[in-house]
PDB file of N, CA and C in Angstrom:
ATOM      1  N   MET A   1      33.231  35.812  -2.394  1.00  0.00           N
ATOM      2  CA  MET A   1      32.169  36.723  -1.982  1.00  0.00           C
ATOM      3  C   MET A   1      30.990  35.909  -1.464  1.00  0.00           C
ATOM      4  N   MET A   2      30.384  36.339  -0.402  1.00  0.00           N
ATOM      5  CA  MET A   2      29.258  35.654   0.229  1.00  0.00           C
ATOM      6  C   MET A   2      27.985  35.980  -0.545  1.00  0.00           C
ATOM      7  N   THR A   3      27.318  34.951  -1.026  1.00  0.00           N
ATOM      8  CA  THR A   3      26.063  35.158  -1.739  1.00  0.00           C
ATOM      9  C   THR A   3      24.923  35.292  -0.738  1.00  0.00           C
ATOM     10  N   PRO A   4      23.823  35.958  -1.142  1.00  0.00           N
ATOM     11  CA  PRO A   4      22.684  36.067  -0.226  1.00  0.00           C
ATOM     12  C   PRO A   4      22.143  34.701   0.194  1.00  0.00           C
ATOM     13  N   LYS A   5      22.132  33.731  -0.741  1.00  0.00           N
ATOM     14  CA  LYS A   5      21.620  32.401  -0.413  1.00  0.00           C
ATOM     15  C   LYS A   5      22.477  31.733   0.654  1.00  0.00           C
ATOM     16  N   LEU A   6      23.801  31.836   0.519  1.00  0.00           N
ATOM     17  CA  LEU A   6      24.695  31.248   1.508  1.00  0.00           C
ATOM     18  C   LEU A   6      24.519  31.942   2.856  1.00  0.00           C
ATOM     19  N   ALA A   7      24.369  33.235   2.834  1.00  0.00           N
ATOM     20  CA  ALA A   7      24.169  33.976   4.090  1.00  0.00           C
ATOM     21  C   ALA A   7      22.887  33.516   4.782  1.00  0.00           C
ATOM     22  N   ARG A   8      21.820  33.304   4.016  1.00  0.00           N
ATOM     23  CA  ARG A   8      20.570  32.825   4.612  1.00  0.00           C
ATOM     24  C   ARG A   8      20.755  31.422   5.177  1.00  0.00           C
ATOM     25  N   CYS A   9      21.451  30.566   4.448  1.00  0.00           N
ATOM     26  CA  CYS A   9      21.681  29.195   4.927  1.00  0.00           C
ATOM     27  C   CYS A   9      22.472  29.195   6.231  1.00  0.00           C
ATOM     28  N   LEU A  10      23.453  30.072   6.328  1.00  0.00           N
ATOM     29  CA  LEU A  10      24.252  30.141   7.545  1.00  0.00           C
ATOM     30  C   LEU A  10      23.404  30.593   8.720  1.00  0.00           C
ATOM     31  N   ALA A  11      22.551  31.547   8.466  1.00  0.00           N
ATOM     32  CA  ALA A  11      21.669  32.010   9.535  1.00  0.00           C
ATOM     33  C   ALA A  11      20.756  30.885   9.985  1.00  0.00           C
ATOM     34  N   LEU A  12      20.237  30.121   9.032  1.00  0.00           N
ATOM     35  CA  LEU A  12      19.390  28.988   9.379  1.00  0.00           C
ATOM     36  C   LEU A  12      20.187  27.918  10.103  1.00  0.00           C
ATOM     37  N   MET A  13      21.395  27.636   9.613  1.00  0.00           N
ATOM     38  CA  MET A  13      22.205  26.584  10.200  1.00  0.00           C
ATOM     39  C   MET A  13      22.422  26.807  11.686  1.00  0.00           C
ATOM     40  N   PHE A  14      22.763  27.972  12.059  1.00  0.00           N
ATOM     41  CA  PHE A  14      23.060  28.235  13.452  1.00  0.00           C
ATOM     42  C   PHE A  14      21.872  28.762  14.241  1.00  0.00           C
ATOM     43  N   GLY A  15      20.742  28.991  13.565  1.00  0.00           N
ATOM     44  CA  GLY A  15      19.571  29.481  14.273  1.00  0.00           C
ATOM     45  C   GLY A  15      19.939  30.676  15.130  1.00  0.00           C
ATOM     46  N   LEU A  16      20.623  31.607  14.497  1.00  0.00           N
ATOM     47  CA  LEU A  16      21.210  32.705  15.248  1.00  0.00           C
ATOM     48  C   LEU A  16      20.162  33.581  15.911  1.00  0.00           C
ATOM     49  N   ALA A  17      20.451  33.882  17.152  1.00  0.00           N
ATOM     50  CA  ALA A  17      19.602  34.813  17.898  1.00  0.00           C
ATOM     51  C   ALA A  17      20.471  35.999  18.289  1.00  0.00           C
ATOM     52  N   MET A  18      20.186  37.128  17.742  1.00  0.00           N
ATOM     53  CA  MET A  18      20.961  38.326  18.051  1.00  0.00           C
ATOM     54  C   MET A  18      20.593  38.835  19.445  1.00  0.00           C
ATOM     55  N   ALA A  19      21.588  39.227  20.186  1.00  0.00           N
ATOM     56  CA  ALA A  19      21.341  39.741  21.532  1.00  0.00           C
ATOM     57  C   ALA A  19      22.374  40.801  21.861  1.00  0.00           C
ATOM     58  N   GLY A  20      21.925  41.896  22.403  1.00  0.00           N
ATOM     59  CA  GLY A  20      22.824  42.951  22.849  1.00  0.00           C
ATOM     60  C   GLY A  20      23.425  43.755  21.717  1.00  0.00           C
ATOM     61  N   THR A  21      24.403  44.552  22.069  1.00  0.00           N
ATOM     62  CA  THR A  21      25.065  45.442  21.133  1.00  0.00           C
ATOM     63  C   THR A  21      26.337  44.791  20.634  1.00  0.00           C
ATOM     64  N   VAL A  22      26.644  44.991  19.364  1.00  0.00           N
ATOM     65  CA  VAL A  22      27.868  44.458  18.779  1.00  0.00           C
ATOM     66  C   VAL A  22      29.024  45.385  19.137  1.00  0.00           C
ATOM     67  N   HIS A  23      30.094  44.803  19.640  1.00  0.00           N
ATOM     68  CA  HIS A  23      31.300  45.555  19.976  1.00  0.00           C
ATOM     69  C   HIS A  23      32.433  44.999  19.126  1.00  0.00           C
ATOM     70  N   GLY A  24      32.945  45.789  18.199  1.00  0.00           N
ATOM     71  CA  GLY A  24      33.982  45.325  17.287  1.00  0.00           C
ATOM     72  C   GLY A  24      35.239  44.872  18.001  1.00  0.00           C
ATOM     73  N   GLY A  25      35.781  43.734  17.587  1.00  0.00           N
ATOM     74  CA  GLY A  25      37.034  43.236  18.097  1.00  0.00           C
ATOM     75  C   GLY A  25      37.014  42.757  19.539  1.00  0.00           C
ATOM     76  N   SER A  26      35.859  42.439  20.075  1.00  0.00           N
ATOM     77  CA  SER A  26      35.774  42.057  21.480  1.00  0.00           C
ATOM     78  C   SER A  26      35.921  40.557  21.712  1.00  0.00           C
ATOM     79  N   HIS A  27      36.106  39.780  20.668  1.00  0.00           N
ATOM     80  CA  HIS A  27      36.187  38.332  20.810  1.00  0.00           C
ATOM     81  C   HIS A  27      37.571  37.834  20.427  1.00  0.00           C
ATOM     82  N   THR A  28      38.028  36.851  21.192  1.00  0.00           N
ATOM     83  CA  THR A  28      39.286  36.210  20.835  1.00  0.00           C
ATOM     84  C   THR A  28      38.999  35.162  19.774  1.00  0.00           C
ATOM     85  N   PRO A  29      39.922  34.950  18.860  1.00  0.00           N
ATOM     86  CA  PRO A  29      39.715  33.924  17.832  1.00  0.00           C
ATOM     87  C   PRO A  29      39.514  32.555  18.468  1.00  0.00           C
ATOM     88  N   PRO A  30      38.844  31.663  17.763  1.00  0.00           N
ATOM     89  CA  PRO A  30      38.590  30.335  18.333  1.00  0.00           C
ATOM     90  C   PRO A  30      39.877  29.545  18.517  1.00  0.00           C
ATOM     91  N   PRO A  31      39.891  28.701  19.550  1.00  0.00           N
ATOM     92  CA  PRO A  31      41.040  27.811  19.727  1.00  0.00           C
ATOM     93  C   PRO A  31      40.974  26.704  18.669  1.00  0.00           C
ATOM     94  N   PRO A  32      42.023  25.912  18.546  1.00  0.00           N
ATOM     95  CA  PRO A  32      41.988  24.789  17.599  1.00  0.00           C
ATOM     96  C   PRO A  32      40.802  23.866  17.892  1.00  0.00           C
ATOM     97  N   GLU A  33      40.302  23.230  16.857  1.00  0.00           N
ATOM     98  CA  GLU A  33      39.165  22.311  17.012  1.00  0.00           C
ATOM     99  C   GLU A  33      39.562  21.150  17.923  1.00  0.00           C
ATOM    100  N   PRO A  34      38.707  20.830  18.895  1.00  0.00           N
ATOM    101  CA  PRO A  34      39.000  19.700  19.787  1.00  0.00           C
ATOM    102  C   PRO A  34      39.033  18.378  19.005  1.00  0.00           C
ATOM    103  N   PRO A  35      39.637  17.346  19.574  1.00  0.00           N
ATOM    104  CA  PRO A  35      39.653  16.044  18.905  1.00  0.00           C
ATOM    105  C   PRO A  35      38.241  15.454  18.797  1.00  0.00           C
ATOM    106  N   GLN A  36      38.054  14.576  17.833  1.00  0.00           N
ATOM    107  CA  GLN A  36      36.736  13.973  17.569  1.00  0.00           C
ATOM    108  C   GLN A  36      36.169  13.214  18.764  1.00  0.00           C
ATOM    109  N   ASP A  37      37.026  12.716  19.656  1.00  0.00           N
ATOM    110  CA  ASP A  37      36.496  11.986  20.813  1.00  0.00           C
ATOM    111  C   ASP A  37      35.823  12.913  21.827  1.00  0.00           C
ATOM    112  N   GLN A  38      35.907  14.216  21.615  1.00  0.00           N
ATOM    113  CA  GLN A  38      35.238  15.178  22.487  1.00  0.00           C
ATOM    114  C   GLN A  38      33.928  15.704  21.906  1.00  0.00           C
ATOM    115  N   VAL A  39      33.516  15.172  20.760  1.00  0.00           N
ATOM    116  CA  VAL A  39      32.256  15.604  20.144  1.00  0.00           C
ATOM    117  C   VAL A  39      31.084  15.187  21.028  1.00  0.00           C
ATOM    118  N   ILE A  40      30.201  16.129  21.317  1.00  0.00           N
ATOM    119  CA  ILE A  40      28.980  15.828  22.069  1.00  0.00           C
ATOM    120  C   ILE A  40      27.924  15.295  21.109  1.00  0.00           C
ATOM    121  N   GLU A  41      27.774  15.985  19.989  1.00  0.00           N
ATOM    122  CA  GLU A  41      26.723  15.618  19.044  1.00  0.00           C
ATOM    123  C   GLU A  41      27.148  15.993  17.631  1.00  0.00           C
ATOM    124  N   GLU A  42      26.703  15.183  16.678  1.00  0.00           N
ATOM    125  CA  GLU A  42      26.927  15.436  15.265  1.00  0.00           C
ATOM    126  C   GLU A  42      25.557  15.655  14.626  1.00  0.00           C
ATOM    127  N   LEU A  43      25.398  16.767  13.939  1.00  0.00           N
ATOM    128  CA  LEU A  43      24.119  17.123  13.323  1.00  0.00           C
ATOM    129  C   LEU A  43      24.321  17.339  11.828  1.00  0.00           C
ATOM    130  N   TYR A  44      23.342  16.933  11.041  1.00  0.00           N
ATOM    131  CA  TYR A  44      23.410  17.180   9.606  1.00  0.00           C
ATOM    132  C   TYR A  44      22.362  18.216   9.248  1.00  0.00           C
ATOM    133  N   ASP A  45      22.805  19.308   8.649  1.00  0.00           N
ATOM    134  CA  ASP A  45      21.905  20.372   8.210  1.00  0.00           C
ATOM    135  C   ASP A  45      21.785  20.285   6.694  1.00  0.00           C
ATOM    136  N   ASN A  46      20.723  19.626   6.249  1.00  0.00           N
ATOM    137  CA  ASN A  46      20.503  19.429   4.824  1.00  0.00           C
ATOM    138  C   ASN A  46      20.324  20.753   4.099  1.00  0.00           C
ATOM    139  N   GLU A  47      19.640  21.693   4.733  1.00  0.00           N
ATOM    140  CA  GLU A  47      19.381  22.989   4.117  1.00  0.00           C
ATOM    141  C   GLU A  47      20.667  23.744   3.803  1.00  0.00           C
ATOM    142  N   ALA A  48      21.573  23.783   4.753  1.00  0.00           N
ATOM    143  CA  ALA A  48      22.823  24.520   4.588  1.00  0.00           C
ATOM    144  C   ALA A  48      23.925  23.662   3.968  1.00  0.00           C
ATOM    145  N   GLY A  49      23.715  22.332   3.900  1.00  0.00           N
ATOM    146  CA  GLY A  49      24.740  21.447   3.364  1.00  0.00           C
ATOM    147  C   GLY A  49      25.961  21.363   4.268  1.00  0.00           C
ATOM    148  N   LEU A  50      25.713  21.317   5.579  1.00  0.00           N
ATOM    149  CA  LEU A  50      26.798  21.287   6.555  1.00  0.00           C
ATOM    150  C   LEU A  50      26.617  20.155   7.550  1.00  0.00           C
ATOM    151  N   VAL A  51      27.728  19.621   8.014  1.00  0.00           N
ATOM    152  CA  VAL A  51      27.735  18.730   9.160  1.00  0.00           C
ATOM    153  C   VAL A  51      28.238  19.571  10.329  1.00  0.00           C
ATOM    154  N   ILE A  52      27.464  19.568  11.406  1.00  0.00           N
ATOM    155  CA  ILE A  52      27.750  20.396  12.567  1.00  0.00           C
ATOM    156  C   ILE A  52      28.192  19.496  13.714  1.00  0.00           C
ATOM    157  N   PHE A  53      29.309  19.849  14.342  1.00  0.00           N
ATOM    158  CA  PHE A  53      29.810  19.128  15.500  1.00  0.00           C
ATOM    159  C   PHE A  53      29.752  20.061  16.705  1.00  0.00           C
ATOM    160  N   THR A  54      29.192  19.581  17.813  1.00  0.00           N
ATOM    161  CA  THR A  54      29.143  20.374  19.039  1.00  0.00           C
ATOM    162  C   THR A  54      30.129  19.792  20.050  1.00  0.00           C
ATOM    163  N   TYR A  55      30.737  20.680  20.822  1.00  0.00           N
ATOM    164  CA  TYR A  55      31.743  20.288  21.805  1.00  0.00           C
ATOM    165  C   TYR A  55      31.482  20.995  23.132  1.00  0.00           C
ATOM    166  N   SER A  56      32.021  20.430  24.205  1.00  0.00           N
ATOM    167  CA  SER A  56      32.043  21.073  25.515  1.00  0.00           C
ATOM    168  C   SER A  56      33.506  21.150  25.931  1.00  0.00           C
ATOM    169  N   LEU A  57      34.112  22.318  25.724  1.00  0.00           N
ATOM    170  CA  LEU A  57      35.527  22.475  26.049  1.00  0.00           C
ATOM    171  C   LEU A  57      35.790  22.279  27.537  1.00  0.00           C
ATOM    172  N   ASN A  58      34.801  22.636  28.374  1.00  0.00           N
ATOM    173  CA  ASN A  58      34.944  22.468  29.825  1.00  0.00           C
ATOM    174  C   ASN A  58      34.571  21.069  30.284  1.00  0.00           C
ATOM    175  N   ARG A  59      34.148  20.240  29.334  1.00  0.00           N
ATOM    176  CA  ARG A  59      33.747  18.847  29.624  1.00  0.00           C
ATOM    177  C   ARG A  59      32.658  18.762  30.691  1.00  0.00           C
ATOM    178  N   ASP A  60      31.730  19.746  30.649  1.00  0.00           N
ATOM    179  CA  ASP A  60      30.612  19.750  31.595  1.00  0.00           C
ATOM    180  C   ASP A  60      29.273  19.508  30.897  1.00  0.00           C
ATOM    181  N   GLY A  61      29.315  19.147  29.623  1.00  0.00           N
ATOM    182  CA  GLY A  61      28.093  18.867  28.871  1.00  0.00           C
ATOM    183  C   GLY A  61      27.435  20.092  28.267  1.00  0.00           C
ATOM    184  N   VAL A  62      27.937  21.281  28.579  1.00  0.00           N
ATOM    185  CA  VAL A  62      27.383  22.519  28.029  1.00  0.00           C
ATOM    186  C   VAL A  62      28.120  22.835  26.729  1.00  0.00           C
ATOM    187  N   VAL A  63      27.371  22.973  25.647  1.00  0.00           N
ATOM    188  CA  VAL A  63      27.980  23.264  24.347  1.00  0.00           C
ATOM    189  C   VAL A  63      28.573  24.671  24.379  1.00  0.00           C
ATOM    190  N   ASP A  64      29.885  24.745  24.125  1.00  0.00           N
ATOM    191  CA  ASP A  64      30.553  26.039  24.104  1.00  0.00           C
ATOM    192  C   ASP A  64      31.464  26.208  22.890  1.00  0.00           C
ATOM    193  N   TYR A  65      31.404  25.255  21.962  1.00  0.00           N
ATOM    194  CA  TYR A  65      32.221  25.303  20.749  1.00  0.00           C
ATOM    195  C   TYR A  65      31.488  24.485  19.698  1.00  0.00           C
ATOM    196  N   VAL A  66      31.327  25.043  18.509  1.00  0.00           N
ATOM    197  CA  VAL A  66      30.597  24.363  17.425  1.00  0.00           C
ATOM    198  C   VAL A  66      31.358  24.585  16.128  1.00  0.00           C
ATOM    199  N   THR A  67      31.429  23.545  15.312  1.00  0.00           N
ATOM    200  CA  THR A  67      32.029  23.689  13.983  1.00  0.00           C
ATOM    201  C   THR A  67      31.027  23.243  12.924  1.00  0.00           C
ATOM    202  N   GLY A  68      31.176  23.776  11.732  1.00  0.00           N
ATOM    203  CA  GLY A  68      30.342  23.383  10.596  1.00  0.00           C
ATOM    204  C   GLY A  68      31.208  23.111   9.381  1.00  0.00           C
ATOM    205  N   ARG A  69      31.114  21.898   8.859  1.00  0.00           N
ATOM    206  CA  ARG A  69      31.881  21.506   7.669  1.00  0.00           C
ATOM    207  C   ARG A  69      30.967  21.378   6.463  1.00  0.00           C
ATOM    208  N   LYS A  70      31.469  21.789   5.307  1.00  0.00           N
ATOM    209  CA  LYS A  70      30.715  21.639   4.060  1.00  0.00           C
ATOM    210  C   LYS A  70      30.640  20.167   3.677  1.00  0.00           C
ATOM    211  N   VAL A  71      29.450  19.741   3.247  1.00  0.00           N
ATOM    212  CA  VAL A  71      29.266  18.377   2.759  1.00  0.00           C
ATOM    213  C   VAL A  71      29.588  18.363   1.266  1.00  0.00           C
ATOM    214  N   LEU A  72      30.459  17.436   0.866  1.00  0.00           N
ATOM    215  CA  LEU A  72      30.832  17.316  -0.539  1.00  0.00           C
ATOM    216  C   LEU A  72      29.916  16.340  -1.268  1.00  0.00           C
ATOM    217  N   THR A  73      29.675  15.173  -0.656  1.00  0.00           N
ATOM    218  CA  THR A  73      28.746  14.180  -1.225  1.00  0.00           C
ATOM    219  C   THR A  73      27.993  13.527  -0.078  1.00  0.00           C
ATOM    220  N   TRP A  74      26.814  13.009  -0.388  1.00  0.00           N
ATOM    221  CA  TRP A  74      25.976  12.379   0.620  1.00  0.00           C
ATOM    222  C   TRP A  74      25.244  11.213  -0.012  1.00  0.00           C
ATOM    223  N   LYS A  75      25.141  10.079   0.717  1.00  0.00           N
ATOM    224  CA  LYS A  75      24.381   8.922   0.236  1.00  0.00           C
ATOM    225  C   LYS A  75      23.888   8.116   1.430  1.00  0.00           C
ATOM    226  N   VAL A  76      23.003   7.197   1.182  1.00  0.00           N
ATOM    227  CA  VAL A  76      22.485   6.309   2.221  1.00  0.00           C
ATOM    228  C   VAL A  76      23.170   4.958   2.050  1.00  0.00           C
ATOM    229  N   ASN A  77      23.709   4.416   3.141  1.00  0.00           N
ATOM    230  CA  ASN A  77      24.392   3.126   3.046  1.00  0.00           C
ATOM    231  C   ASN A  77      23.382   1.972   3.087  1.00  0.00           C
ATOM    232  N   ASP A  78      23.870   0.746   3.046  1.00  0.00           N
ATOM    233  CA  ASP A  78      23.018  -0.444   3.034  1.00  0.00           C
ATOM    234  C   ASP A  78      22.169  -0.597   4.294  1.00  0.00           C
ATOM    235  N   TYR A  79      22.544   0.074   5.354  1.00  0.00           N
ATOM    236  CA  TYR A  79      21.814  -0.015   6.617  1.00  0.00           C
ATOM    237  C   TYR A  79      20.836   1.144   6.806  1.00  0.00           C
ATOM    238  N   GLY A  80      20.714   1.997   5.797  1.00  0.00           N
ATOM    239  CA  GLY A  80      19.777   3.115   5.861  1.00  0.00           C
ATOM    240  C   GLY A  80      20.312   4.347   6.574  1.00  0.00           C
ATOM    241  N   HIS A  81      21.602   4.379   6.834  1.00  0.00           N
ATOM    242  CA  HIS A  81      22.202   5.526   7.515  1.00  0.00           C
ATOM    243  C   HIS A  81      22.826   6.470   6.498  1.00  0.00           C
ATOM    244  N   GLY A  82      22.706   7.775   6.761  1.00  0.00           N
ATOM    245  CA  GLY A  82      23.345   8.762   5.897  1.00  0.00           C
ATOM    246  C   GLY A  82      24.853   8.733   6.068  1.00  0.00           C
ATOM    247  N   VAL A  83      25.550   8.719   4.961  1.00  0.00           N
ATOM    248  CA  VAL A  83      27.006   8.742   4.967  1.00  0.00           C
ATOM    249  C   VAL A  83      27.420   9.923   4.098  1.00  0.00           C
ATOM    250  N   TYR A  84      28.268  10.780   4.629  1.00  0.00           N
ATOM    251  CA  TYR A  84      28.665  11.944   3.863  1.00  0.00           C
ATOM    252  C   TYR A  84      30.166  12.121   3.866  1.00  0.00           C
ATOM    253  N   GLU A  85      30.629  12.644   2.751  1.00  0.00           N
ATOM    254  CA  GLU A  85      32.020  13.051   2.626  1.00  0.00           C
ATOM    255  C   GLU A  85      32.005  14.557   2.833  1.00  0.00           C
ATOM    256  N   MET A  86      32.892  15.034   3.684  1.00  0.00           N
ATOM    257  CA  MET A  86      32.896  16.457   3.995  1.00  0.00           C
ATOM    258  C   MET A  86      34.305  17.018   3.916  1.00  0.00           C
ATOM    259  N   GLU A  87      34.380  18.343   3.939  1.00  0.00           N
ATOM    260  CA  GLU A  87      35.670  19.022   3.938  1.00  0.00           C
ATOM    261  C   GLU A  87      36.484  18.567   5.149  1.00  0.00           C
ATOM    262  N   ARG A  88      37.799  18.577   5.000  1.00  0.00           N
ATOM    263  CA  ARG A  88      38.671  18.159   6.093  1.00  0.00           C
ATOM    264  C   ARG A  88      38.569  19.104   7.291  1.00  0.00           C
ATOM    265  N   PHE A  89      38.485  20.403   7.009  1.00  0.00           N
ATOM    266  CA  PHE A  89      38.407  21.403   8.068  1.00  0.00           C
ATOM    267  C   PHE A  89      37.087  22.158   7.989  1.00  0.00           C
ATOM    268  N   PRO A  90      36.618  22.687   9.108  1.00  0.00           N
ATOM    269  CA  PRO A  90      35.369  23.451   9.123  1.00  0.00           C
ATOM    270  C   PRO A  90      35.459  24.758   8.336  1.00  0.00           C
ATOM    271  N   VAL A  91      34.315  25.205   7.886  1.00  0.00           N
ATOM    272  CA  VAL A  91      34.204  26.528   7.272  1.00  0.00           C
ATOM    273  C   VAL A  91      33.686  27.527   8.306  1.00  0.00           C
ATOM    274  N   PHE A  92      33.020  27.013   9.355  1.00  0.00           N
ATOM    275  CA  PHE A  92      32.499  27.866  10.422  1.00  0.00           C
ATOM    276  C   PHE A  92      32.901  27.346  11.794  1.00  0.00           C
ATOM    277  N   TYR A  93      33.181  28.295  12.674  1.00  0.00           N
ATOM    278  CA  TYR A  93      33.488  28.011  14.072  1.00  0.00           C
ATOM    279  C   TYR A  93      32.626  28.938  14.919  1.00  0.00           C
ATOM    280  N   TRP A  94      31.896  28.400  15.878  1.00  0.00           N
ATOM    281  CA  TRP A  94      31.158  29.220  16.834  1.00  0.00           C
ATOM    282  C   TRP A  94      31.843  29.043  18.175  1.00  0.00           C
ATOM    283  N   TYR A  95      32.297  30.166  18.739  1.00  0.00           N
ATOM    284  CA  TYR A  95      33.029  30.128  20.005  1.00  0.00           C
ATOM    285  C   TYR A  95      32.901  31.480  20.691  1.00  0.00           C
ATOM    286  N   ASP A  96      32.686  31.475  21.980  1.00  0.00           N
ATOM    287  CA  ASP A  96      32.640  32.699  22.776  1.00  0.00           C
ATOM    288  C   ASP A  96      31.635  33.706  22.206  1.00  0.00           C
ATOM    289  N   ARG A  97      30.426  33.206  21.885  1.00  0.00           N
ATOM    290  CA  ARG A  97      29.330  34.032  21.360  1.00  0.00           C
ATOM    291  C   ARG A  97      29.689  34.757  20.065  1.00  0.00           C
ATOM    292  N   ALA A  98      30.594  34.170  19.284  1.00  0.00           N
ATOM    293  CA  ALA A  98      30.975  34.746  17.995  1.00  0.00           C
ATOM    294  C   ALA A  98      31.026  33.645  16.950  1.00  0.00           C
ATOM    295  N   LEU A  99      30.643  33.994  15.742  1.00  0.00           N
ATOM    296  CA  LEU A  99      30.694  33.066  14.610  1.00  0.00           C
ATOM    297  C   LEU A  99      31.838  33.497  13.703  1.00  0.00           C
ATOM    298  N   TRP A 100      32.784  32.595  13.510  1.00  0.00           N
ATOM    299  CA  TRP A 100      33.962  32.846  12.678  1.00  0.00           C
ATOM    300  C   TRP A 100      33.839  32.022  11.406  1.00  0.00           C
ATOM    301  N   ARG A 101      34.332  32.542  10.303  1.00  0.00           N
ATOM    302  CA  ARG A 101      34.340  31.762   9.065  1.00  0.00           C
ATOM    303  C   ARG A 101      35.770  31.622   8.555  1.00  0.00           C
ATOM    304  N   ASP A 102      35.991  30.486   7.928  1.00  0.00           N
ATOM    305  CA  ASP A 102      37.294  30.172   7.349  1.00  0.00           C
ATOM    306  C   ASP A 102      37.031  29.739   5.916  1.00  0.00           C
ATOM    307  N   MET A 103      36.949  30.702   5.038  1.00  0.00           N
ATOM    308  CA  MET A 103      36.586  30.405   3.648  1.00  0.00           C
ATOM    309  C   MET A 103      37.636  29.561   2.939  1.00  0.00           C
ATOM    310  N   GLU A 104      38.847  29.524   3.449  1.00  0.00           N
ATOM    311  CA  GLU A 104      39.888  28.671   2.863  1.00  0.00           C
ATOM    312  C   GLU A 104      39.768  27.230   3.357  1.00  0.00           C
ATOM    313  N   THR A 105      38.964  27.002   4.375  1.00  0.00           N
ATOM    314  CA  THR A 105      38.806  25.693   5.031  1.00  0.00           C
ATOM    315  C   THR A 105      40.154  24.994   5.210  1.00  0.00           C
ATOM    316  N   ASP A 106      41.069  25.723   5.849  1.00  0.00           N
ATOM    317  CA  ASP A 106      42.408  25.180   6.065  1.00  0.00           C
ATOM    318  C   ASP A 106      42.770  25.075   7.543  1.00  0.00           C
ATOM    319  N   GLY A 107      41.759  25.061   8.406  1.00  0.00           N
ATOM    320  CA  GLY A 107      42.003  24.918   9.837  1.00  0.00           C
ATOM    321  C   GLY A 107      42.321  26.248  10.498  1.00  0.00           C
ATOM    322  N   ILE A 108      42.356  26.229  11.815  1.00  0.00           N
ATOM    323  CA  ILE A 108      42.651  27.442  12.583  1.00  0.00           C
ATOM    324  C   ILE A 108      44.125  27.797  12.381  1.00  0.00           C
ATOM    325  N   ASN A 109      44.358  28.918  11.702  1.00  0.00           N
ATOM    326  CA  ASN A 109      45.734  29.347  11.450  1.00  0.00           C
ATOM    327  C   ASN A 109      45.873  30.869  11.379  1.00  0.00           C
ATOM    328  N   GLY A 110      44.817  31.593  11.759  1.00  0.00           N
ATOM    329  CA  GLY A 110      44.904  33.048  11.779  1.00  0.00           C
ATOM    330  C   GLY A 110      44.205  33.750  10.629  1.00  0.00           C
ATOM    331  N   ASN A 111      43.769  33.005   9.604  1.00  0.00           N
ATOM    332  CA  ASN A 111      43.085  33.658   8.483  1.00  0.00           C
ATOM    333  C   ASN A 111      41.559  33.630   8.619  1.00  0.00           C
ATOM    334  N   GLU A 112      41.057  33.208   9.777  1.00  0.00           N
ATOM    335  CA  GLU A 112      39.618  33.193  10.018  1.00  0.00           C
ATOM    336  C   GLU A 112      39.147  34.634  10.204  1.00  0.00           C
ATOM    337  N   THR A 113      37.926  34.900   9.780  1.00  0.00           N
ATOM    338  CA  THR A 113      37.381  36.247   9.937  1.00  0.00           C
ATOM    339  C   THR A 113      36.121  36.180  10.786  1.00  0.00           C
ATOM    340  N   LEU A 114      35.932  37.216  11.572  1.00  0.00           N
ATOM    341  CA  LEU A 114      34.743  37.309  12.404  1.00  0.00           C
ATOM    342  C   LEU A 114      33.550  37.570  11.501  1.00  0.00           C
ATOM    343  N   TYR A 115      32.594  36.651  11.514  1.00  0.00           N
ATOM    344  CA  TYR A 115      31.422  36.751  10.652  1.00  0.00           C
ATOM    345  C   TYR A 115      30.270  37.452  11.368  1.00  0.00           C
ATOM    346  N   MET A 116      30.070  37.140  12.649  1.00  0.00           N
ATOM    347  CA  MET A 116      28.975  37.725  13.412  1.00  0.00           C
ATOM    348  C   MET A 116      29.299  37.646  14.902  1.00  0.00           C
ATOM    349  N   GLU A 117      28.944  38.702  15.630  1.00  0.00           N
ATOM    350  CA  GLU A 117      29.182  38.737  17.071  1.00  0.00           C
ATOM    351  C   GLU A 117      27.875  38.601  17.839  1.00  0.00           C
ATOM    352  N   ASN A 118      28.016  38.266  19.122  1.00  0.00           N
ATOM    353  CA  ASN A 118      26.882  38.180  20.056  1.00  0.00           C
ATOM    354  C   ASN A 118      25.789  37.249  19.539  1.00  0.00           C
ATOM    355  N   VAL A 119      26.172  36.023  19.236  1.00  0.00           N
ATOM    356  CA  VAL A 119      25.227  35.027  18.739  1.00  0.00           C
ATOM    357  C   VAL A 119      25.252  33.804  19.650  1.00  0.00           C
ATOM    358  N   THR A 120      24.145  33.122  19.681  1.00  0.00           N
ATOM    359  CA  THR A 120      24.063  31.872  20.428  1.00  0.00           C
ATOM    360  C   THR A 120      23.753  30.742  19.472  1.00  0.00           C
ATOM    361  N   PHE A 121      24.210  29.551  19.805  1.00  0.00           N
ATOM    362  CA  PHE A 121      23.896  28.377  19.004  1.00  0.00           C
ATOM    363  C   PHE A 121      22.571  27.817  19.487  1.00  0.00           C
ATOM    364  N   ASP A 122      21.611  27.676  18.587  1.00  0.00           N
ATOM    365  CA  ASP A 122      20.269  27.211  18.950  1.00  0.00           C
ATOM    366  C   ASP A 122      20.121  25.736  18.588  1.00  0.00           C
ATOM    367  N   ARG A 123      20.400  24.866  19.537  1.00  0.00           N
ATOM    368  CA  ARG A 123      20.305  23.420  19.318  1.00  0.00           C
ATOM    369  C   ARG A 123      18.875  22.995  19.018  1.00  0.00           C
ATOM    370  N   LEU A 124      17.887  23.705  19.537  1.00  0.00           N
ATOM    371  CA  LEU A 124      16.485  23.316  19.349  1.00  0.00           C
ATOM    372  C   LEU A 124      16.049  23.367  17.886  1.00  0.00           C
ATOM    373  N   ARG A 125      16.786  24.080  17.067  1.00  0.00           N
ATOM    374  CA  ARG A 125      16.469  24.128  15.639  1.00  0.00           C
ATOM    375  C   ARG A 125      16.588  22.736  14.996  1.00  0.00           C
ATOM    376  N   TYR A 126      17.348  21.852  15.604  1.00  0.00           N
ATOM    377  CA  TYR A 126      17.638  20.537  15.029  1.00  0.00           C
ATOM    378  C   TYR A 126      16.927  19.390  15.730  1.00  0.00           C
ATOM    379  N   LYS A 127      15.783  19.635  16.379  1.00  0.00           N
ATOM    380  CA  LYS A 127      15.098  18.542  17.089  1.00  0.00           C
ATOM    381  C   LYS A 127      14.356  17.628  16.160  1.00  0.00           C
TER     382      LYS A 127
END
């Protein structure tokens, strides 16, 4: 069950901006997560306890796919850089203006549920 605190953290994590009318079932499920060599940017959201990866599926530099993984542990290494251990698979996928959640964190396999429609990813929240 989604707690109010987790719901607030998710809203903060993605800096969701609602736009337009919600139309049920209008989004296709997200495709499989792209390989790590296609990551545009890696962001750490301390508030939500997530590592966020942004991708450009069209390889044009425009973010059109985002994943969020739960952080299990976090520490600073000898060089002053944050090092975190995270879940193997994302708990959130943002694709095609829809936010999907995978509470089993077992990868894209059909058990993902549509969490919110008509949302945009707000990169400026992480400046």
